[in-house]
Amino acid sequence: MSKELIRFDWAMKSILRKKSNFDILEGFLCALLEDDNIKILNILESETNSEYQNDKFNKVDLLVEDSKKRKIFIEIQNTRETDYLERLLFSSSKIVTENIKLGEKFKNISKVISISILYFNLGIGDDYIYYGTTDFKGINTGKKLIVKKRINISETLEPKYKFIEKNIFPEYYLITVGRYKNIMKKAVDEWIYMIKNNEIASGSKSKNIDKAKEKLAEINMTQKERKSYERYVTGLVREDDIMETAKIEGEIKGKIEGKIEGKIEGKIEIATQMKKENEPTDKIIKFTGLTKDQIKKL
């Protein structure tokens, strides 16, 4: 029996939702966000977590606590869509609005981090991990506007406080699996290698990646899980085949239409020249195959 790991996207759809397997996602997040103290508190119950047999994307909304004790909603996604960025914006905005009550103070808005694992190339670029957020920069100076807030660090008669930078806007990580070259320079590369190749690279040492090797092995799947997994993988193969077939058919159709259009343009060019030389219409029809109405319009 194969000792390969199951696909990470299917794992997110199934076994990684179990509390006993949170350590795998925690290890991945610790490596990506470079914070070894991340802890998953809960998977949020929402319609986005519904499981459908034919889902083309998987999304896991996690309530997370990091080393700064911030509550972070992390959205891990795997999808193929034309309007992907638009849906990404919609999803992060929805998480913000769904997790603050009407009339609640805006200071209680939770931080959102959106992590996308992409099995297709999004845009033109030469990296495999992209980070983005909202910054305000001076039009004239180009320098970033830094907004700070005051927080108390003691509750004595003379309270002490410090100022920290406000960082409230959603942050986005786009991981393009296909662009990763299997070269490991940092901890998160060990996880991307696993996601891309369905195996753990030799010498991997990042936090909890040994748990992934143990819990995501195909050999440990139950019969029910194996059947579900096989249907999922088969569906992906069929989807890729359909897309490839459509691409080939489109190319063939384009070539045929191009040849037809080229022949028509050639006939029109000949007919135009013959008409300039005052050749009779019947003769032009005979040489070009164009109709009398087509020749009149030239």
Protein backbone atom coordinates (compact mmCIF):
# COMPACT_ATOMS: atom_id res chain seq x y z
CA MET A 1 0.00 0.00 0.00
CA SER A 2 1.23 3.50 -0.82
CA LYS A 3 2.94 5.50 1.90
CA GLU A 4 2.31 8.81 0.12
CA LEU A 5 0.48 11.62 1.87
CA ILE A 6 -3.04 12.57 0.91
CA ARG A 7 -3.58 15.85 -0.94
CA PHE A 8 -3.55 18.83 1.42
CA ASP A 9 -6.66 20.34 -0.15
CA TRP A 10 -8.68 17.19 0.57
CA ALA A 11 -7.23 17.05 4.09
CA MET A 12 -8.52 20.59 4.71
CA LYS A 13 -11.90 19.47 3.50
CA SER A 14 -12.04 16.56 5.92
CA ILE A 15 -9.62 15.41 8.60
CA LEU A 16 -7.97 18.76 9.39
CA ARG A 17 -11.32 20.01 10.70
CA LYS A 18 -10.99 17.63 13.65
CA LYS A 19 -9.61 19.16 16.84
CA SER A 20 -7.17 16.27 17.22
CA ASN A 21 -5.54 17.34 13.93
CA PHE A 22 -5.31 21.08 14.62
CA ASP A 23 -1.58 20.62 15.27
CA ILE A 24 -0.97 20.15 11.53
CA LEU A 25 -2.56 23.47 10.57
CA GLU A 26 -0.87 25.11 13.56
CA GLY A 27 2.52 23.94 12.28
CA PHE A 28 1.80 25.29 8.79
CA LEU A 29 0.63 28.65 10.16
CA CYS A 30 3.58 28.95 12.56
CA ALA A 31 5.96 28.49 9.62
CA LEU A 32 4.14 30.90 7.28
CA LEU A 33 3.54 33.67 9.84
CA GLU A 34 6.89 33.06 11.57
CA ASP A 35 5.29 32.73 14.99
CA ASP A 36 5.85 29.50 16.93
CA ASN A 37 3.10 30.25 19.45
CA ILE A 38 0.05 30.14 17.20
CA LYS A 39 -2.80 28.08 18.58
CA ILE A 40 -6.06 27.21 16.85
CA LEU A 41 -8.97 27.78 19.21
CA ASN A 42 -11.81 26.64 17.00
CA ILE A 43 -13.08 26.07 13.46
CA LEU A 44 -15.94 28.49 12.97
CA GLU A 45 -19.35 27.08 12.21
CA SER A 46 -20.68 28.86 9.14
CA GLU A 47 -22.09 28.13 5.73
CA THR A 48 -18.59 28.46 4.29
CA ASN A 49 -17.65 25.23 6.04
CA SER A 50 -20.42 23.15 4.47
CA GLU A 51 -19.07 20.08 2.71
CA TYR A 52 -20.35 19.37 -0.78
CA GLN A 53 -19.29 16.48 -2.96
CA ASN A 54 -18.54 18.69 -5.95
CA ASP A 55 -16.96 21.68 -4.21
CA LYS A 56 -14.30 23.26 -6.42
CA PHE A 57 -12.82 25.13 -3.48
CA ASN A 58 -12.15 24.41 0.18
CA LYS A 59 -12.28 27.08 2.82
CA VAL A 60 -11.57 26.67 6.53
CA ASP A 61 -12.35 29.58 8.84
CA LEU A 62 -10.20 29.32 11.95
CA LEU A 63 -10.30 31.28 15.18
CA VAL A 64 -6.62 31.60 16.08
CA GLU A 65 -4.59 33.09 18.91
CA ASP A 66 -1.03 34.20 18.25
CA SER A 67 1.88 35.24 20.49
CA LYS A 68 0.45 38.77 20.82
CA LYS A 69 -2.88 37.37 22.06
CA ARG A 70 -4.69 38.76 19.03
CA LYS A 71 -7.69 36.86 17.78
CA ILE A 72 -7.19 36.16 14.09
CA PHE A 73 -9.63 34.68 11.61
CA ILE A 74 -7.61 32.73 9.08
CA GLU A 75 -9.12 31.62 5.80
CA ILE A 76 -7.27 28.89 3.92
CA GLN A 77 -8.51 28.49 0.38
CA ASN A 78 -7.90 26.27 -2.62
CA THR A 79 -9.82 27.11 -5.77
CA ARG A 80 -9.78 27.82 -9.50
CA GLU A 81 -11.76 30.91 -10.43
CA THR A 82 -11.57 33.72 -12.96
CA ASP A 83 -12.69 36.37 -10.44
CA TYR A 84 -10.64 34.96 -7.58
CA LEU A 85 -9.43 38.27 -6.13
CA GLU A 86 -12.97 39.63 -6.07
CA ARG A 87 -14.17 36.60 -4.12
CA LEU A 88 -11.17 36.93 -1.81
CA LEU A 89 -12.18 40.51 -1.00
CA PHE A 90 -15.79 39.45 -0.46
CA SER A 91 -14.79 36.59 1.86
CA SER A 92 -12.53 38.67 4.10
CA SER A 93 -15.13 41.45 4.31
CA LYS A 94 -17.81 38.94 5.21
CA ILE A 95 -15.68 37.48 8.02
CA VAL A 96 -15.27 40.98 9.49
CA THR A 97 -18.98 41.82 9.38
CA GLU A 98 -20.17 38.40 10.57
CA ASN A 99 -18.03 38.57 13.70
CA ILE A 100 -19.08 41.91 15.13
CA LYS A 101 -22.53 42.49 16.57
CA LEU A 102 -24.77 45.33 15.46
CA GLY A 103 -24.07 48.32 17.69
CA GLU A 104 -20.78 46.91 18.98
CA LYS A 105 -17.82 49.29 19.08
CA PHE A 106 -15.67 49.25 15.97
CA LYS A 107 -12.55 48.82 18.10
CA ASN A 108 -13.67 45.22 18.62
CA ILE A 109 -13.33 44.34 14.94
CA SER A 110 -11.16 41.26 14.64
CA LYS A 111 -8.01 41.02 12.59
CA VAL A 112 -8.37 38.95 9.40
CA ILE A 113 -5.59 37.02 7.74
CA SER A 114 -6.47 35.28 4.47
CA ILE A 115 -4.21 32.51 3.23
CA SER A 116 -4.77 31.16 -0.27
CA ILE A 117 -3.22 27.93 -1.47
CA LEU A 118 -3.50 28.16 -5.25
CA TYR A 119 -3.11 25.28 -7.68
CA PHE A 120 -3.18 27.69 -10.63
CA ASN A 121 -1.14 30.76 -11.58
CA LEU A 122 -2.77 33.98 -10.48
CA GLY A 123 -1.35 36.86 -12.48
CA ILE A 124 2.22 37.33 -13.69
CA GLY A 125 5.04 36.98 -11.19
CA ASP A 126 8.29 35.22 -10.35
CA ASP A 127 7.64 34.31 -6.69
CA TYR A 128 5.55 31.58 -5.10
CA ILE A 129 4.47 33.49 -1.98
CA TYR A 130 2.95 36.98 -2.15
CA TYR A 131 1.87 39.16 0.76
CA GLY A 132 -0.46 42.14 0.64
CA THR A 133 -2.36 44.50 2.93
CA THR A 134 -3.68 48.06 2.96
CA ASP A 135 -1.14 50.84 3.52
CA PHE A 136 -1.56 54.59 3.33
CA LYS A 137 1.32 56.46 1.68
CA GLY A 138 1.93 60.15 1.19
CA ILE A 139 1.25 61.29 -2.35
CA ASN A 140 4.17 63.70 -2.22
CA THR A 141 6.68 61.83 -0.03
CA GLY A 142 5.76 58.21 -0.72
CA LYS A 143 6.22 57.45 2.98
CA LYS A 144 3.83 55.19 4.87
CA LEU A 145 1.36 56.77 7.34
CA ILE A 146 1.84 55.19 10.76
CA VAL A 147 -1.19 55.26 13.06
CA LYS A 148 -0.65 54.22 16.68
CA LYS A 149 -2.87 53.42 19.62
CA ARG A 150 -2.16 53.62 23.35
CA ILE A 151 -2.38 50.50 25.50
CA ASN A 152 -1.96 50.25 29.26
CA ILE A 153 0.81 47.97 30.52
CA SER A 154 0.06 48.32 34.26
CA GLU A 155 -2.96 48.93 36.50
CA THR A 156 -1.21 50.91 39.26
CA LEU A 157 -2.22 54.30 40.62
CA GLU A 158 0.00 55.78 37.96
CA PRO A 159 -0.82 53.56 35.00
CA LYS A 160 1.94 52.98 32.52
CA TYR A 161 1.24 52.68 28.86
CA LYS A 162 2.91 52.35 25.50
CA PHE A 163 2.02 53.12 21.92
CA ILE A 164 1.82 50.39 19.31
CA GLU A 165 1.10 50.60 15.61
CA LYS A 166 -2.49 49.98 14.61
CA ASN A 167 -2.72 47.07 12.22
CA ILE A 168 -6.37 46.40 11.52
CA PHE A 169 -6.72 45.82 7.79
CA PRO A 170 -6.90 42.30 6.36
CA GLU A 171 -3.63 40.68 5.35
CA TYR A 172 -3.39 38.34 2.38
CA TYR A 173 -0.97 35.53 1.61
CA LEU A 174 -1.12 34.00 -1.88
CA ILE A 175 0.79 30.74 -2.24
CA THR A 176 1.11 29.52 -5.84
CA VAL A 177 2.03 25.86 -5.49
CA GLY A 178 3.06 25.35 -9.13
CA ARG A 179 5.70 28.11 -9.00
CA TYR A 180 7.51 26.53 -6.06
CA LYS A 181 10.84 25.03 -7.25
CA ASN A 182 11.31 22.45 -4.44
CA ILE A 183 14.11 24.53 -2.91
CA MET A 184 13.91 24.88 0.86
CA LYS A 185 15.26 28.10 2.35
CA LYS A 186 12.86 28.58 5.26
CA ALA A 187 10.42 26.63 7.40
CA VAL A 188 7.33 27.34 5.29
CA ASP A 189 9.09 25.84 2.25
CA GLU A 190 8.95 22.43 3.93
CA TRP A 191 5.16 22.72 4.05
CA ILE A 192 4.83 23.98 0.48
CA TYR A 193 7.01 21.07 -0.65
CA MET A 194 4.61 18.72 1.13
CA ILE A 195 1.55 20.40 -0.40
CA LYS A 196 3.03 20.21 -3.89
CA ASN A 197 4.52 16.71 -3.79
CA ASN A 198 2.31 14.87 -1.27
CA GLU A 199 5.37 13.86 0.72
CA ILE A 200 7.68 15.21 3.41
CA ALA A 201 11.10 16.34 2.18
CA SER A 202 14.06 14.59 3.74
CA GLY A 203 15.48 16.56 6.66
CA SER A 204 12.32 18.61 7.33
CA LYS A 205 12.33 19.95 10.87
CA SER A 206 9.66 22.66 11.09
CA LYS A 207 7.16 22.54 13.94
CA ASN A 208 4.61 19.67 13.72
CA ILE A 209 5.60 18.58 10.23
CA ASP A 210 6.28 15.16 11.74
CA LYS A 211 2.62 15.12 12.78
CA ALA A 212 1.64 15.73 9.15
CA LYS A 213 3.79 12.80 8.05
CA GLU A 214 1.99 10.58 10.54
CA LYS A 215 -1.61 11.77 10.21
CA LEU A 216 -1.79 12.50 6.46
CA ALA A 217 -0.37 9.16 5.28
CA GLU A 218 -2.64 7.33 2.84
CA ILE A 219 -1.90 4.09 4.65
CA ASN A 220 -3.74 5.35 7.74
CA MET A 221 -7.00 6.12 5.95
CA THR A 222 -10.18 4.25 6.81
CA GLN A 223 -12.06 2.50 4.01
CA LYS A 224 -14.72 5.24 4.04
CA GLU A 225 -12.07 7.98 3.88
CA ARG A 226 -10.27 6.19 1.06
CA LYS A 227 -13.42 5.94 -1.08
CA SER A 228 -14.22 9.60 -0.50
CA TYR A 229 -10.63 10.56 -1.31
CA GLU A 230 -10.61 8.50 -4.51
CA ARG A 231 -13.82 10.20 -5.68
CA TYR A 232 -12.32 13.61 -4.94
CA VAL A 233 -9.08 12.94 -6.82
CA THR A 234 -10.96 11.37 -9.74
CA GLY A 235 -13.15 14.46 -9.91
CA LEU A 236 -10.10 16.71 -10.09
CA VAL A 237 -8.61 14.62 -12.89
CA ARG A 238 -11.89 14.77 -14.85
CA GLU A 239 -12.10 18.53 -14.32
CA ASP A 240 -8.55 19.01 -15.62
CA ASP A 241 -9.34 16.78 -18.59
CA ILE A 242 -12.48 18.78 -19.41
CA MET A 243 -10.53 22.03 -19.24
CA GLU A 244 -7.72 20.64 -21.40
CA THR A 245 -10.22 19.28 -23.94
CA ALA A 246 -11.98 22.65 -24.10
CA LYS A 247 -8.62 24.35 -24.61
CA ILE A 248 -7.67 22.00 -27.48
CA GLU A 249 -11.09 22.34 -29.12
CA GLY A 250 -10.83 26.11 -28.84
CA GLU A 251 -7.41 26.09 -30.49
CA ILE A 252 -8.62 23.85 -33.34
CA LYS A 253 -11.72 25.99 -33.86
CA GLY A 254 -9.57 29.12 -33.89
CA LYS A 255 -7.24 27.67 -36.52
CA ILE A 256 -10.14 26.58 -38.75
CA GLU A 257 -11.87 29.95 -38.44
CA GLY A 258 -8.55 31.67 -39.14
CA LYS A 259 -8.02 29.66 -42.32
CA ILE A 260 -11.57 30.31 -43.51
CA GLU A 261 -11.24 34.02 -42.78
CA GLY A 262 -7.90 34.11 -44.58
CA LYS A 263 -9.37 32.45 -47.69
CA ILE A 264 -12.30 34.87 -47.76
CA GLU A 265 -9.96 37.85 -47.41
CA GLY A 266 -7.88 36.48 -50.30
CA LYS A 267 -10.95 36.13 -52.50
CA ILE A 268 -12.09 39.66 -51.65
CA GLU A 269 -8.65 41.01 -52.52
CA ILE A 270 -8.73 39.27 -55.94
CA ALA A 271 -12.29 40.41 -56.60
CA THR A 272 -11.44 44.00 -55.66
CA GLN A 273 -8.51 44.02 -58.10
CA MET A 274 -10.60 42.48 -60.92
CA LYS A 275 -13.33 45.02 -60.33
CA LYS A 276 -10.79 47.87 -60.61
CA GLU A 277 -9.79 46.44 -63.98
CA ASN A 278 -13.47 46.48 -65.05
CA GLU A 279 -13.73 42.71 -65.36
CA PRO A 280 -17.34 41.50 -65.79
CA THR A 281 -19.18 40.35 -62.63
CA ASP A 282 -19.77 36.83 -64.03
CA LYS A 283 -16.02 36.38 -64.50
CA ILE A 284 -15.28 37.62 -60.95
CA ILE A 285 -17.85 35.16 -59.57
CA LYS A 286 -16.23 32.33 -61.52
CA PHE A 287 -12.71 33.12 -60.28
CA THR A 288 -13.52 33.90 -56.62
CA GLY A 289 -16.71 32.08 -55.78
CA LEU A 290 -18.15 35.23 -54.22
CA THR A 291 -21.82 36.09 -54.72
CA LYS A 292 -23.08 38.95 -56.82
CA ASP A 293 -24.20 40.85 -53.69
CA GLN A 294 -20.75 40.44 -52.08
CA ILE A 295 -19.08 41.81 -55.21
CA LYS A 296 -21.45 44.80 -55.36
CA LYS A 297 -20.44 45.80 -51.84
CA LEU A 298 -16.74 45.96 -52.70
